[in-house]
């Protein structure tokens, strides 16, 4: 009989790679748009997507390695994971608001 946990973990890792690939794709598209028309709105959008991609990458790494750590270290990991998302979504907000 097949053990379900390793298969589920493999699927989860694959899904995280897909999410990271999608965020990198959006970041690349926004960078290309910024290069064509160098406006402040597109610059903020590109930077926002870049920080969101960084947040996704950090989130994936922290989930893989931070499972069996001290609660204080785990809290620090979660804080460092949240900061790129805050910056990224703030940049997107600025790009849409202007």
PDB file of N, CA and C in Angstrom:
ATOM      1  N   UNK A   1       0.841  -1.177   0.000  1.00  0.00           N
ATOM      2  CA  UNK A   1       0.000   0.000   0.000  1.00  0.00           C
ATOM      3  C   UNK A   1       0.890   1.245   0.000  1.00  0.00           C
ATOM      4  N   UNK A   2       0.450   2.280  -0.685  1.00  0.00           N
ATOM      5  CA  UNK A   2       1.211   3.513  -0.832  1.00  0.00           C
ATOM      6  C   UNK A   2       0.942   4.421   0.365  1.00  0.00           C
ATOM      7  N   UNK A   3       2.044   4.938   0.941  1.00  0.00           N
ATOM      8  CA  UNK A   3       1.903   5.889   2.046  1.00  0.00           C
ATOM      9  C   UNK A   3       1.495   7.249   1.462  1.00  0.00           C
ATOM     10  N   UNK A   4       0.455   7.818   1.977  1.00  0.00           N
ATOM     11  CA  UNK A   4      -0.137   9.032   1.412  1.00  0.00           C
ATOM     12  C   UNK A   4       0.683  10.287   1.725  1.00  0.00           C
ATOM     13  N   UNK A   5       1.324  10.346   2.868  1.00  0.00           N
ATOM     14  CA  UNK A   5       2.016  11.568   3.294  1.00  0.00           C
ATOM     15  C   UNK A   5       3.138  11.961   2.333  1.00  0.00           C
ATOM     16  N   UNK A   6       4.039  11.063   1.924  1.00  0.00           N
ATOM     17  CA  UNK A   6       5.086  11.494   0.979  1.00  0.00           C
ATOM     18  C   UNK A   6       4.518  11.942  -0.375  1.00  0.00           C
ATOM     19  N   UNK A   7       3.473  11.297  -0.815  1.00  0.00           N
ATOM     20  CA  UNK A   7       2.860  11.689  -2.091  1.00  0.00           C
ATOM     21  C   UNK A   7       2.233  13.079  -1.957  1.00  0.00           C
ATOM     22  N   UNK A   8       1.541  13.318  -0.840  1.00  0.00           N
ATOM     23  CA  UNK A   8       0.926  14.624  -0.616  1.00  0.00           C
ATOM     24  C   UNK A   8       1.984  15.715  -0.502  1.00  0.00           C
ATOM     25  N   UNK A   9       3.091  15.410   0.170  1.00  0.00           N
ATOM     26  CA  UNK A   9       4.182  16.396   0.262  1.00  0.00           C
ATOM     27  C   UNK A   9       4.764  16.698  -1.108  1.00  0.00           C
ATOM     28  N   UNK A  10       4.916  15.676  -1.921  1.00  0.00           N
ATOM     29  CA  UNK A  10       5.420  15.877  -3.279  1.00  0.00           C
ATOM     30  C   UNK A  10       4.492  16.751  -4.101  1.00  0.00           C
ATOM     31  N   UNK A  11       3.197  16.516  -3.985  1.00  0.00           N
ATOM     32  CA  UNK A  11       2.215  17.339  -4.695  1.00  0.00           C
ATOM     33  C   UNK A  11       2.265  18.779  -4.192  1.00  0.00           C
ATOM     34  N   UNK A  12       2.403  18.949  -2.884  1.00  0.00           N
ATOM     35  CA  UNK A  12       2.480  20.292  -2.307  1.00  0.00           C
ATOM     36  C   UNK A  12       3.716  21.037  -2.799  1.00  0.00           C
ATOM     37  N   UNK A  13       4.854  20.362  -2.848  1.00  0.00           N
ATOM     38  CA  UNK A  13       6.076  20.989  -3.360  1.00  0.00           C
ATOM     39  C   UNK A  13       5.889  21.378  -4.822  1.00  0.00           C
ATOM     40  N   UNK A  14       5.275  20.502  -5.599  1.00  0.00           N
ATOM     41  CA  UNK A  14       5.023  20.799  -7.009  1.00  0.00           C
ATOM     42  C   UNK A  14       4.098  22.009  -7.154  1.00  0.00           C
ATOM     43  N   UNK A  15       3.062  22.083  -6.331  1.00  0.00           N
ATOM     44  CA  UNK A  15       2.139  23.212  -6.381  1.00  0.00           C
ATOM     45  C   UNK A  15       2.842  24.511  -5.995  1.00  0.00           C
ATOM     46  N   UNK A  16       3.756  24.442  -5.035  1.00  0.00           N
ATOM     47  CA  UNK A  16       4.500  25.655  -4.649  1.00  0.00           C
ATOM     48  C   UNK A  16       5.423  26.117  -5.767  1.00  0.00           C
ATOM     49  N   UNK A  17       6.010  25.171  -6.495  1.00  0.00           N
ATOM     50  CA  UNK A  17       6.821  25.548  -7.652  1.00  0.00           C
ATOM     51  C   UNK A  17       5.962  26.230  -8.715  1.00  0.00           C
ATOM     52  N   UNK A  18       4.750  25.742  -8.898  1.00  0.00           N
ATOM     53  CA  UNK A  18       3.842  26.357  -9.867  1.00  0.00           C
ATOM     54  C   UNK A  18       3.506  27.784  -9.445  1.00  0.00           C
ATOM     55  N   UNK A  19       3.193  27.991  -8.164  1.00  0.00           N
ATOM     56  CA  UNK A  19       2.882  29.340  -7.676  1.00  0.00           C
ATOM     57  C   UNK A  19       4.092  30.252  -7.855  1.00  0.00           C
ATOM     58  N   UNK A  20       5.271  29.763  -7.521  1.00  0.00           N
ATOM     59  CA  UNK A  20       6.473  30.577  -7.677  1.00  0.00           C
ATOM     60  C   UNK A  20       6.731  30.882  -9.147  1.00  0.00           C
ATOM     61  N   UNK A  21       6.524  29.910 -10.014  1.00  0.00           N
ATOM     62  CA  UNK A  21       6.693  30.139 -11.456  1.00  0.00           C
ATOM     63  C   UNK A  21       5.714  31.176 -11.986  1.00  0.00           C
ATOM     64  N   UNK A  22       4.480  31.124 -11.512  1.00  0.00           N
ATOM     65  CA  UNK A  22       3.486  32.116 -11.934  1.00  0.00           C
ATOM     66  C   UNK A  22       3.853  33.512 -11.460  1.00  0.00           C
ATOM     67  N   UNK A  23       4.339  33.620 -10.224  1.00  0.00           N
ATOM     68  CA  UNK A  23       4.726  34.954  -9.737  1.00  0.00           C
ATOM     69  C   UNK A  23       5.944  35.480 -10.493  1.00  0.00           C
ATOM     70  N   UNK A  24       6.874  34.588 -10.837  1.00  0.00           N
ATOM     71  CA  UNK A  24       8.019  35.041 -11.635  1.00  0.00           C
ATOM     72  C   UNK A  24       7.572  35.459 -13.031  1.00  0.00           C
ATOM     73  N   UNK A  25       6.605  34.746 -13.600  1.00  0.00           N
ATOM     74  CA  UNK A  25       6.081  35.112 -14.913  1.00  0.00           C
ATOM     75  C   UNK A  25       5.424  36.481 -14.896  1.00  0.00           C
ATOM     76  N   UNK A  26       4.621  36.744 -13.876  1.00  0.00           N
ATOM     77  CA  UNK A  26       3.984  38.062 -13.757  1.00  0.00           C
ATOM     78  C   UNK A  26       5.034  39.146 -13.552  1.00  0.00           C
ATOM     79  N   UNK A  27       6.058  38.842 -12.775  1.00  0.00           N
ATOM     80  CA  UNK A  27       7.132  39.817 -12.556  1.00  0.00           C
ATOM     81  C   UNK A  27       7.854  40.117 -13.863  1.00  0.00           C
ATOM     82  N   UNK A  28       8.128  39.090 -14.653  1.00  0.00           N
ATOM     83  CA  UNK A  28       8.804  39.284 -15.936  1.00  0.00           C
ATOM     84  C   UNK A  28       7.946  40.103 -16.895  1.00  0.00           C
ATOM     85  N   UNK A  29       6.666  39.804 -16.969  1.00  0.00           N
ATOM     86  CA  UNK A  29       5.763  40.557 -17.847  1.00  0.00           C
ATOM     87  C   UNK A  29       5.691  42.021 -17.414  1.00  0.00           C
ATOM     88  N   UNK A  30       5.614  42.257 -16.105  1.00  0.00           N
ATOM     89  CA  UNK A  30       5.544  43.640 -15.639  1.00  0.00           C
ATOM     90  C   UNK A  30       6.868  44.374 -15.889  1.00  0.00           C
ATOM     91  N   UNK A  31       7.991  43.671 -15.813  1.00  0.00           N
ATOM     92  CA  UNK A  31       9.280  44.297 -16.118  1.00  0.00           C
ATOM     93  C   UNK A  31       9.371  44.657 -17.598  1.00  0.00           C
ATOM     94  N   UNK A  32       8.893  43.762 -18.468  1.00  0.00           N
ATOM     95  CA  UNK A  32       8.904  44.057 -19.898  1.00  0.00           C
ATOM     96  C   UNK A  32       8.001  45.244 -20.222  1.00  0.00           C
ATOM     97  N   UNK A  33       6.856  45.319 -19.557  1.00  0.00           N
ATOM     98  CA  UNK A  33       5.964  46.466 -19.769  1.00  0.00           C
ATOM     99  C   UNK A  33       6.635  47.750 -19.293  1.00  0.00           C
ATOM    100  N   UNK A  34       7.349  47.669 -18.185  1.00  0.00           N
ATOM    101  CA  UNK A  34       8.052  48.853 -17.681  1.00  0.00           C
ATOM    102  C   UNK A  34       9.159  49.285 -18.634  1.00  0.00           C
ATOM    103  N   UNK A  35       9.848  48.326 -19.249  1.00  0.00           N
ATOM    104  CA  UNK A  35      10.909  48.690 -20.183  1.00  0.00           C
ATOM    105  C   UNK A  35      10.361  49.366 -21.438  1.00  0.00           C
ATOM    106  N   UNK A  36       9.162  48.948 -21.882  1.00  0.00           N
ATOM    107  CA  UNK A  36       8.572  49.572 -23.068  1.00  0.00           C
ATOM    108  C   UNK A  36       8.119  51.000 -22.789  1.00  0.00           C
ATOM    109  N   UNK A  37       7.420  51.167 -21.683  1.00  0.00           N
ATOM    110  CA  UNK A  37       6.924  52.491 -21.287  1.00  0.00           C
ATOM    111  C   UNK A  37       7.376  52.740 -19.863  1.00  0.00           C
ATOM    112  N   UNK A  38       8.358  53.547 -19.727  1.00  0.00           N
ATOM    113  CA  UNK A  38       8.948  53.761 -18.405  1.00  0.00           C
ATOM    114  C   UNK A  38       8.153  54.800 -17.625  1.00  0.00           C
ATOM    115  N   UNK A  39       7.039  54.341 -17.070  1.00  0.00           N
ATOM    116  CA  UNK A  39       6.205  55.207 -16.257  1.00  0.00           C
ATOM    117  C   UNK A  39       6.349  54.799 -14.790  1.00  0.00           C
ATOM    118  N   UNK A  40       5.987  55.712 -13.924  1.00  0.00           N
ATOM    119  CA  UNK A  40       6.075  55.425 -12.487  1.00  0.00           C
ATOM    120  C   UNK A  40       5.111  54.312 -12.088  1.00  0.00           C
ATOM    121  N   UNK A  41       3.935  54.276 -12.700  1.00  0.00           N
ATOM    122  CA  UNK A  41       2.952  53.241 -12.369  1.00  0.00           C
ATOM    123  C   UNK A  41       3.490  51.848 -12.680  1.00  0.00           C
ATOM    124  N   UNK A  42       4.088  51.694 -13.838  1.00  0.00           N
ATOM    125  CA  UNK A  42       4.628  50.385 -14.209  1.00  0.00           C
ATOM    126  C   UNK A  42       5.846  50.022 -13.370  1.00  0.00           C
ATOM    127  N   UNK A  43       6.613  51.014 -12.979  1.00  0.00           N
ATOM    128  CA  UNK A  43       7.755  50.745 -12.110  1.00  0.00           C
ATOM    129  C   UNK A  43       7.283  50.220 -10.750  1.00  0.00           C
ATOM    130  N   UNK A  44       6.270  50.874 -10.183  1.00  0.00           N
ATOM    131  CA  UNK A  44       5.733  50.417  -8.898  1.00  0.00           C
ATOM    132  C   UNK A  44       5.097  49.031  -9.033  1.00  0.00           C
ATOM    133  N   UNK A  45       4.425  48.784 -10.147  1.00  0.00           N
ATOM    134  CA  UNK A  45       3.820  47.464 -10.356  1.00  0.00           C
ATOM    135  C   UNK A  45       4.902  46.391 -10.444  1.00  0.00           C
ATOM    136  N   UNK A  46       5.962  46.671 -11.201  1.00  0.00           N
ATOM    137  CA  UNK A  46       7.061  45.708 -11.306  1.00  0.00           C
ATOM    138  C   UNK A  46       7.687  45.429  -9.945  1.00  0.00           C
ATOM    139  N   UNK A  47       7.969  46.481  -9.192  1.00  0.00           N
ATOM    140  CA  UNK A  47       8.566  46.284  -7.869  1.00  0.00           C
ATOM    141  C   UNK A  47       7.615  45.533  -6.935  1.00  0.00           C
ATOM    142  N   UNK A  48       6.335  45.816  -7.037  1.00  0.00           N
ATOM    143  CA  UNK A  48       5.356  45.100  -6.223  1.00  0.00           C
ATOM    144  C   UNK A  48       5.347  43.614  -6.531  1.00  0.00           C
ATOM    145  N   UNK A  49       5.313  43.276  -7.816  1.00  0.00           N
ATOM    146  CA  UNK A  49       5.330  41.856  -8.179  1.00  0.00           C
ATOM    147  C   UNK A  49       6.652  41.191  -7.798  1.00  0.00           C
ATOM    148  N   UNK A  50       7.746  41.941  -7.870  1.00  0.00           N
ATOM    149  CA  UNK A  50       9.041  41.377  -7.468  1.00  0.00           C
ATOM    150  C   UNK A  50       9.051  41.039  -5.979  1.00  0.00           C
ATOM    151  N   UNK A  51       8.516  41.928  -5.157  1.00  0.00           N
ATOM    152  CA  UNK A  51       8.468  41.653  -3.717  1.00  0.00           C
ATOM    153  C   UNK A  51       7.500  40.518  -3.394  1.00  0.00           C
ATOM    154  N   UNK A  52       6.401  40.439  -4.125  1.00  0.00           N
ATOM    155  CA  UNK A  52       5.469  39.328  -3.905  1.00  0.00           C
ATOM    156  C   UNK A  52       6.130  38.011  -4.287  1.00  0.00           C
ATOM    157  N   UNK A  53       6.886  37.998  -5.381  1.00  0.00           N
ATOM    158  CA  UNK A  53       7.627  36.790  -5.760  1.00  0.00           C
ATOM    159  C   UNK A  53       8.630  36.406  -4.684  1.00  0.00           C
ATOM    160  N   UNK A  54       9.290  37.406  -4.128  1.00  0.00           N
ATOM    161  CA  UNK A  54      10.235  37.136  -3.045  1.00  0.00           C
ATOM    162  C   UNK A  54       9.509  36.555  -1.836  1.00  0.00           C
ATOM    163  N   UNK A  55       8.342  37.082  -1.528  1.00  0.00           N
ATOM    164  CA  UNK A  55       7.556  36.561  -0.412  1.00  0.00           C
ATOM    165  C   UNK A  55       7.127  35.124  -0.629  1.00  0.00           C
ATOM    166  N   UNK A  56       6.743  34.791  -1.853  1.00  0.00           N
ATOM    167  CA  UNK A  56       6.363  33.407  -2.164  1.00  0.00           C
ATOM    168  C   UNK A  56       7.563  32.478  -2.005  1.00  0.00           C
ATOM    169  N   UNK A  57       8.718  32.912  -2.489  1.00  0.00           N
ATOM    170  CA  UNK A  57       9.922  32.082  -2.367  1.00  0.00           C
ATOM    171  C   UNK A  57      10.299  31.879  -0.901  1.00  0.00           C
ATOM    172  N   UNK A  58      10.277  32.942  -0.135  1.00  0.00           N
ATOM    173  CA  UNK A  58      10.614  32.832   1.288  1.00  0.00           C
ATOM    174  C   UNK A  58       9.606  31.945   2.003  1.00  0.00           C
ATOM    175  N   UNK A  59       8.343  32.096   1.660  1.00  0.00           N
ATOM    176  CA  UNK A  59       7.295  31.280   2.275  1.00  0.00           C
ATOM    177  C   UNK A  59       7.517  29.797   2.004  1.00  0.00           C
ATOM    178  N   UNK A  60       7.888  29.461   0.783  1.00  0.00           N
ATOM    179  CA  UNK A  60       8.139  28.058   0.443  1.00  0.00           C
ATOM    180  C   UNK A  60       9.327  27.496   1.204  1.00  0.00           C
ATOM    181  N   UNK A  61      10.394  28.271   1.284  1.00  0.00           N
ATOM    182  CA  UNK A  61      11.591  27.812   1.990  1.00  0.00           C
ATOM    183  C   UNK A  61      11.319  27.662   3.480  1.00  0.00           C
ATOM    184  N   UNK A  62      10.624  28.637   4.050  1.00  0.00           N
ATOM    185  CA  UNK A  62      10.343  28.586   5.486  1.00  0.00           C
ATOM    186  C   UNK A  62       9.461  27.398   5.830  1.00  0.00           C
ATOM    187  N   UNK A  63       8.489  27.114   4.989  1.00  0.00           N
ATOM    188  CA  UNK A  63       7.610  25.977   5.241  1.00  0.00           C
ATOM    189  C   UNK A  63       8.387  24.665   5.204  1.00  0.00           C
ATOM    190  N   UNK A  64       9.361  24.569   4.307  1.00  0.00           N
ATOM    191  CA  UNK A  64      10.144  23.337   4.194  1.00  0.00           C
ATOM    192  C   UNK A  64      11.096  23.153   5.365  1.00  0.00           C
ATOM    193  N   UNK A  65      11.766  24.226   5.771  1.00  0.00           N
ATOM    194  CA  UNK A  65      12.825  24.094   6.763  1.00  0.00           C
ATOM    195  C   UNK A  65      12.435  24.535   8.170  1.00  0.00           C
ATOM    196  N   UNK A  66      11.354  25.293   8.300  1.00  0.00           N
ATOM    197  CA  UNK A  66      11.021  25.851   9.593  1.00  0.00           C
ATOM    198  C   UNK A  66      10.003  25.058  10.390  1.00  0.00           C
ATOM    199  N   UNK A  67       9.714  23.848   9.997  1.00  0.00           N
ATOM    200  CA  UNK A  67       8.655  23.086  10.666  1.00  0.00           C
ATOM    201  C   UNK A  67       9.056  22.640  12.073  1.00  0.00           C
ATOM    202  N   UNK A  68      10.293  22.264  12.270  1.00  0.00           N
ATOM    203  CA  UNK A  68      10.722  21.714  13.559  1.00  0.00           C
ATOM    204  C   UNK A  68      11.658  22.662  14.289  1.00  0.00           C
ATOM    205  N   UNK A  69      11.308  23.922  14.339  1.00  0.00           N
ATOM    206  CA  UNK A  69      12.177  24.895  14.991  1.00  0.00           C
ATOM    207  C   UNK A  69      11.531  25.407  16.276  1.00  0.00           C
ATOM    208  N   UNK A  70      12.315  26.144  17.008  1.00  0.00           N
ATOM    209  CA  UNK A  70      11.851  26.792  18.234  1.00  0.00           C
ATOM    210  C   UNK A  70      10.716  27.768  17.889  1.00  0.00           C
ATOM    211  N   UNK A  71       9.714  27.914  18.747  1.00  0.00           N
ATOM    212  CA  UNK A  71       8.603  28.832  18.438  1.00  0.00           C
ATOM    213  C   UNK A  71       9.040  30.274  18.197  1.00  0.00           C
ATOM    214  N   UNK A  72      10.065  30.756  18.900  1.00  0.00           N
ATOM    215  CA  UNK A  72      10.544  32.116  18.679  1.00  0.00           C
ATOM    216  C   UNK A  72      11.183  32.251  17.296  1.00  0.00           C
ATOM    217  N   UNK A  73      11.951  31.262  16.903  1.00  0.00           N
ATOM    218  CA  UNK A  73      12.560  31.274  15.570  1.00  0.00           C
ATOM    219  C   UNK A  73      11.476  31.164  14.504  1.00  0.00           C
ATOM    220  N   UNK A  74      10.472  30.340  14.753  1.00  0.00           N
ATOM    221  CA  UNK A  74       9.364  30.202  13.816  1.00  0.00           C
ATOM    222  C   UNK A  74       8.622  31.529  13.653  1.00  0.00           C
ATOM    223  N   UNK A  75       8.451  32.268  14.753  1.00  0.00           N
ATOM    224  CA  UNK A  75       7.816  33.584  14.690  1.00  0.00           C
ATOM    225  C   UNK A  75       8.655  34.554  13.859  1.00  0.00           C
ATOM    226  N   UNK A  76       9.976  34.510  14.040  1.00  0.00           N
ATOM    227  CA  UNK A  76      10.868  35.344  13.233  1.00  0.00           C
ATOM    228  C   UNK A  76      10.757  34.988  11.751  1.00  0.00           C
ATOM    229  N   UNK A  77      10.693  33.691  11.439  1.00  0.00           N
ATOM    230  CA  UNK A  77      10.532  33.249  10.050  1.00  0.00           C
ATOM    231  C   UNK A  77       9.227  33.786   9.459  1.00  0.00           C
ATOM    232  N   UNK A  78       8.160  33.696  10.223  1.00  0.00           N
ATOM    233  CA  UNK A  78       6.870  34.177   9.727  1.00  0.00           C
ATOM    234  C   UNK A  78       6.876  35.691   9.526  1.00  0.00           C
ATOM    235  N   UNK A  79       7.565  36.394  10.392  1.00  0.00           N
ATOM    236  CA  UNK A  79       7.692  37.835  10.233  1.00  0.00           C
ATOM    237  C   UNK A  79       8.475  38.172   8.967  1.00  0.00           C
ATOM    238  N   UNK A  80       9.577  37.477   8.748  1.00  0.00           N
ATOM    239  CA  UNK A  80      10.380  37.736   7.552  1.00  0.00           C
ATOM    240  C   UNK A  80       9.651  37.314   6.282  1.00  0.00           C
ATOM    241  N   UNK A  81       8.685  36.441   6.406  1.00  0.00           N
ATOM    242  CA  UNK A  81       7.873  36.028   5.263  1.00  0.00           C
ATOM    243  C   UNK A  81       6.819  37.086   4.941  1.00  0.00           C
ATOM    244  N   UNK A  82       6.306  37.754   5.946  1.00  0.00           N
ATOM    245  CA  UNK A  82       5.204  38.695   5.771  1.00  0.00           C
ATOM    246  C   UNK A  82       5.676  40.037   5.223  1.00  0.00           C
ATOM    247  N   UNK A  83       6.863  40.466   5.565  1.00  0.00           N
ATOM    248  CA  UNK A  83       7.356  41.790   5.170  1.00  0.00           C
ATOM    249  C   UNK A  83       7.401  41.970   3.644  1.00  0.00           C
ATOM    250  N   UNK A  84       7.936  41.006   2.854  1.00  0.00           N
ATOM    251  CA  UNK A  84       7.904  41.205   1.392  1.00  0.00           C
ATOM    252  C   UNK A  84       6.484  41.309   0.830  1.00  0.00           C
ATOM    253  N   UNK A  85       5.532  40.583   1.429  1.00  0.00           N
ATOM    254  CA  UNK A  85       4.149  40.690   0.962  1.00  0.00           C
ATOM    255  C   UNK A  85       3.583  42.082   1.246  1.00  0.00           C
ATOM    256  N   UNK A  86       3.876  42.616   2.429  1.00  0.00           N
ATOM    257  CA  UNK A  86       3.390  43.962   2.769  1.00  0.00           C
ATOM    258  C   UNK A  86       3.962  44.992   1.796  1.00  0.00           C
ATOM    259  N   UNK A  87       5.262  44.907   1.546  1.00  0.00           N
ATOM    260  CA  UNK A  87       5.896  45.851   0.622  1.00  0.00           C
ATOM    261  C   UNK A  87       5.338  45.669  -0.788  1.00  0.00           C
ATOM    262  N   UNK A  88       5.217  44.426  -1.229  1.00  0.00           N
ATOM    263  CA  UNK A  88       4.734  44.158  -2.584  1.00  0.00           C
ATOM    264  C   UNK A  88       3.328  44.639  -2.824  1.00  0.00           C
ATOM    265  N   UNK A  89       2.427  44.321  -1.900  1.00  0.00           N
ATOM    266  CA  UNK A  89       1.051  44.766  -2.083  1.00  0.00           C
ATOM    267  C   UNK A  89       0.920  46.280  -1.916  1.00  0.00           C
ATOM    268  N   UNK A  90       1.776  46.889  -1.114  1.00  0.00           N
ATOM    269  CA  UNK A  90       1.779  48.349  -0.999  1.00  0.00           C
ATOM    270  C   UNK A  90       2.210  48.991  -2.315  1.00  0.00           C
ATOM    271  N   UNK A  91       3.208  48.414  -2.948  1.00  0.00           N
ATOM    272  CA  UNK A  91       3.657  48.915  -4.250  1.00  0.00           C
ATOM    273  C   UNK A  91       2.559  48.767  -5.303  1.00  0.00           C
ATOM    274  N   UNK A  92       1.876  47.630  -5.295  1.00  0.00           N
ATOM    275  CA  UNK A  92       0.773  47.448  -6.241  1.00  0.00           C
ATOM    276  C   UNK A  92      -0.342  48.460  -5.978  1.00  0.00           C
ATOM    277  N   UNK A  93      -0.627  48.702  -4.716  1.00  0.00           N
ATOM    278  CA  UNK A  93      -1.637  49.692  -4.358  1.00  0.00           C
ATOM    279  C   UNK A  93      -1.258  51.058  -4.910  1.00  0.00           C
ATOM    280  N   UNK A  94       0.004  51.438  -4.730  1.00  0.00           N
ATOM    281  CA  UNK A  94       0.475  52.734  -5.220  1.00  0.00           C
ATOM    282  C   UNK A  94       0.378  52.782  -6.744  1.00  0.00           C
ATOM    283  N   UNK A  95       0.726  51.693  -7.415  1.00  0.00           N
ATOM    284  CA  UNK A  95       0.688  51.695  -8.884  1.00  0.00           C
ATOM    285  C   UNK A  95      -0.745  51.810  -9.401  1.00  0.00           C
ATOM    286  N   UNK A  96      -1.703  51.260  -8.688  1.00  0.00           N
ATOM    287  CA  UNK A  96      -3.093  51.358  -9.136  1.00  0.00           C
ATOM    288  C   UNK A  96      -3.753  52.652  -8.694  1.00  0.00           C
ATOM    289  N   UNK A  97      -3.300  53.221  -7.615  1.00  0.00           N
ATOM    290  CA  UNK A  97      -3.917  54.423  -7.068  1.00  0.00           C
ATOM    291  C   UNK A  97      -3.536  55.672  -7.842  1.00  0.00           C
ATOM    292  N   UNK A  98      -2.326  55.717  -8.345  1.00  0.00           N
ATOM    293  CA  UNK A  98      -1.839  56.929  -9.053  1.00  0.00           C
ATOM    294  C   UNK A  98      -2.482  57.110 -10.391  1.00  0.00           C
TER     295      UNK A  98
END
